[in-house]
Structure formats: C-alpha cells, structure tokens
C-alpha cells in the first residue's frame, strides 16, 4: 500500500466516523422530537378533557333551561 493510498484510506475512515457521530445525533434528536410531540398531544388531550369536565355543569344548566325543564332538574 502506497503512502497516498494509506492517507486516502485514513481520511475515508475518519470521515466515516464523523458521519456516524452526526447520524447518531440526528437519530437522537428525532427520537426526542417524537417524544416531545407525543407529550404535546397528551397535554392537549388532557386539557381538552379538563375543559369538558369544567364546563359540563354549565352546559347541563343551559340545556335544562332551554328544554323547558324546571329548576328541580337543574339542581340534581
């Protein structure tokens, strides 16, 4: 093996190692992005459910008022 071939081989090996490090960082970043996206949607769903639970009594009162039922049904 000539010195030039050896130099090219060593350069290729170092570039492959550097490329591997970059690809691992990209993969880690993609995983964290996916985890954060799942967390984001879980929070959105939980807040939506909480808002539904918080507003449900008011909606029940309005439906009772507009459906013509008495106050007795509202207080249940």
C-alpha atoms as a PDB file:
ATOM      1  CA  UNK A   1       0.000   0.000   0.000  1.00  0.00           C
ATOM      2  CA  UNK A   2       1.443   3.307  -1.019  1.00  0.00           C
ATOM      3  CA  UNK A   3       1.502   6.274   1.362  1.00  0.00           C
ATOM      4  CA  UNK A   4      -1.079   8.076  -0.786  1.00  0.00           C
ATOM      5  CA  UNK A   5      -3.463   5.129  -0.641  1.00  0.00           C
ATOM      6  CA  UNK A   6      -2.956   4.858   3.105  1.00  0.00           C
ATOM      7  CA  UNK A   7      -3.673   8.570   3.526  1.00  0.00           C
ATOM      8  CA  UNK A   8      -6.870   8.278   1.460  1.00  0.00           C
ATOM      9  CA  UNK A   9      -7.941   5.232   3.493  1.00  0.00           C
ATOM     10  CA  UNK A  10      -7.329   7.003   6.816  1.00  0.00           C
ATOM     11  CA  UNK A  11      -9.197  10.080   5.591  1.00  0.00           C
ATOM     12  CA  UNK A  12     -12.126   7.920   4.496  1.00  0.00           C
ATOM     13  CA  UNK A  13     -12.171   6.170   7.865  1.00  0.00           C
ATOM     14  CA  UNK A  14     -12.160   9.469   9.768  1.00  0.00           C
ATOM     15  CA  UNK A  15     -14.955  10.829   7.554  1.00  0.00           C
ATOM     16  CA  UNK A  16     -16.984   7.656   8.161  1.00  0.00           C
ATOM     17  CA  UNK A  17     -16.538   8.043  11.944  1.00  0.00           C
ATOM     18  CA  UNK A  18     -17.545  11.698  11.789  1.00  0.00           C
ATOM     19  CA  UNK A  19     -20.563  10.798   9.657  1.00  0.00           C
ATOM     20  CA  UNK A  20     -21.566   8.123  12.167  1.00  0.00           C
ATOM     21  CA  UNK A  21     -21.416  10.632  15.039  1.00  0.00           C
ATOM     22  CA  UNK A  22     -23.579  13.084  13.095  1.00  0.00           C
ATOM     23  CA  UNK A  23     -26.103  10.383  12.186  1.00  0.00           C
ATOM     24  CA  UNK A  24     -26.383   9.266  15.821  1.00  0.00           C
ATOM     25  CA  UNK A  25     -27.043  12.865  16.885  1.00  0.00           C
ATOM     26  CA  UNK A  26     -29.724  13.199  14.210  1.00  0.00           C
ATOM     27  CA  UNK A  27     -31.346   9.965  15.351  1.00  0.00           C
ATOM     28  CA  UNK A  28     -31.321  11.086  18.999  1.00  0.00           C
ATOM     29  CA  UNK A  29     -32.808  14.422  18.010  1.00  0.00           C
ATOM     30  CA  UNK A  30     -35.562  12.711  16.016  1.00  0.00           C
ATOM     31  CA  UNK A  31     -36.407  10.468  18.972  1.00  0.00           C
ATOM     32  CA  UNK A  32     -36.628  13.404  21.378  1.00  0.00           C
ATOM     33  CA  UNK A  33     -38.730  15.297  18.855  1.00  0.00           C
ATOM     34  CA  UNK A  34     -41.121  12.358  18.640  1.00  0.00           C
ATOM     35  CA  UNK A  35     -41.322  12.110  22.443  1.00  0.00           C
ATOM     36  CA  UNK A  36     -41.987  15.832  22.721  1.00  0.00           C
ATOM     37  CA  UNK A  37     -44.677  15.626  20.050  1.00  0.00           C
ATOM     38  CA  UNK A  38     -46.421  12.781  21.884  1.00  0.00           C
ATOM     39  CA  UNK A  39     -46.187  14.763  25.117  1.00  0.00           C
ATOM     40  CA  UNK A  40     -47.629  17.815  23.385  1.00  0.00           C
ATOM     41  CA  UNK A  41     -50.661  15.877  22.167  1.00  0.00           C
ATOM     42  CA  UNK A  42     -51.167  14.199  25.523  1.00  0.00           C
ATOM     43  CA  UNK A  43     -51.228  17.622  27.199  1.00  0.00           C
ATOM     44  CA  UNK A  44     -53.683  18.942  24.586  1.00  0.00           C
ATOM     45  CA  UNK A  45     -55.994  15.962  25.121  1.00  0.00           C
ATOM     46  CA  UNK A  46     -55.810  16.253  28.917  1.00  0.00           C
ATOM     47  CA  UNK A  47     -56.558  19.978  28.850  1.00  0.00           C
ATOM     48  CA  UNK A  48     -59.482  19.346  26.489  1.00  0.00           C
ATOM     49  CA  UNK A  49     -60.883  16.703  28.825  1.00  0.00           C
ATOM     50  CA  UNK A  50     -60.409  19.036  31.801  1.00  0.00           C
ATOM     51  CA  UNK A  51     -62.182  21.843  29.982  1.00  0.00           C
ATOM     52  CA  UNK A  52     -65.042  19.489  29.154  1.00  0.00           C
ATOM     53  CA  UNK A  53     -65.377  18.427  32.790  1.00  0.00           C
ATOM     54  CA  UNK A  54     -65.231  22.049  33.962  1.00  0.00           C
ATOM     55  CA  UNK A  55     -67.846  23.318  31.532  1.00  0.00           C
ATOM     56  CA  UNK A  56     -70.235  20.340  31.670  1.00  0.00           C
ATOM     57  CA  UNK A  57     -72.373  21.663  34.589  1.00  0.00           C
ATOM     58  CA  UNK A  58     -72.952  24.951  32.769  1.00  0.00           C
ATOM     59  CA  UNK A  59     -73.930  23.159  29.587  1.00  0.00           C
ATOM     60  CA  UNK A  60     -76.312  20.964  31.565  1.00  0.00           C
ATOM     61  CA  UNK A  61     -77.900  24.063  33.093  1.00  0.00           C
ATOM     62  CA  UNK A  62     -78.331  25.695  29.703  1.00  0.00           C
ATOM     63  CA  UNK A  63     -79.866  22.588  28.176  1.00  0.00           C
ATOM     64  CA  UNK A  64     -82.220  22.272  31.130  1.00  0.00           C
ATOM     65  CA  UNK A  65     -83.281  25.905  30.803  1.00  0.00           C
ATOM     66  CA  UNK A  66     -83.844  25.740  27.050  1.00  0.00           C
ATOM     67  CA  UNK A  67     -85.542  22.351  27.125  1.00  0.00           C
ATOM     68  CA  UNK A  68     -88.221  23.629  29.453  1.00  0.00           C
ATOM     69  CA  UNK A  69     -87.479  21.503  32.489  1.00  0.00           C
ATOM     70  CA  UNK A  70     -87.794  23.057  35.904  1.00  0.00           C
ATOM     71  CA  UNK A  71     -85.166  24.200  38.360  1.00  0.00           C
ATOM     72  CA  UNK A  72     -85.549  20.897  40.188  1.00  0.00           C
ATOM     73  CA  UNK A  73     -83.776  19.130  37.330  1.00  0.00           C
ATOM     74  CA  UNK A  74     -81.001  21.698  37.314  1.00  0.00           C
ATOM     75  CA  UNK A  75     -80.222  21.224  40.982  1.00  0.00           C
ATOM     76  CA  UNK A  76     -79.804  17.454  40.672  1.00  0.00           C
END
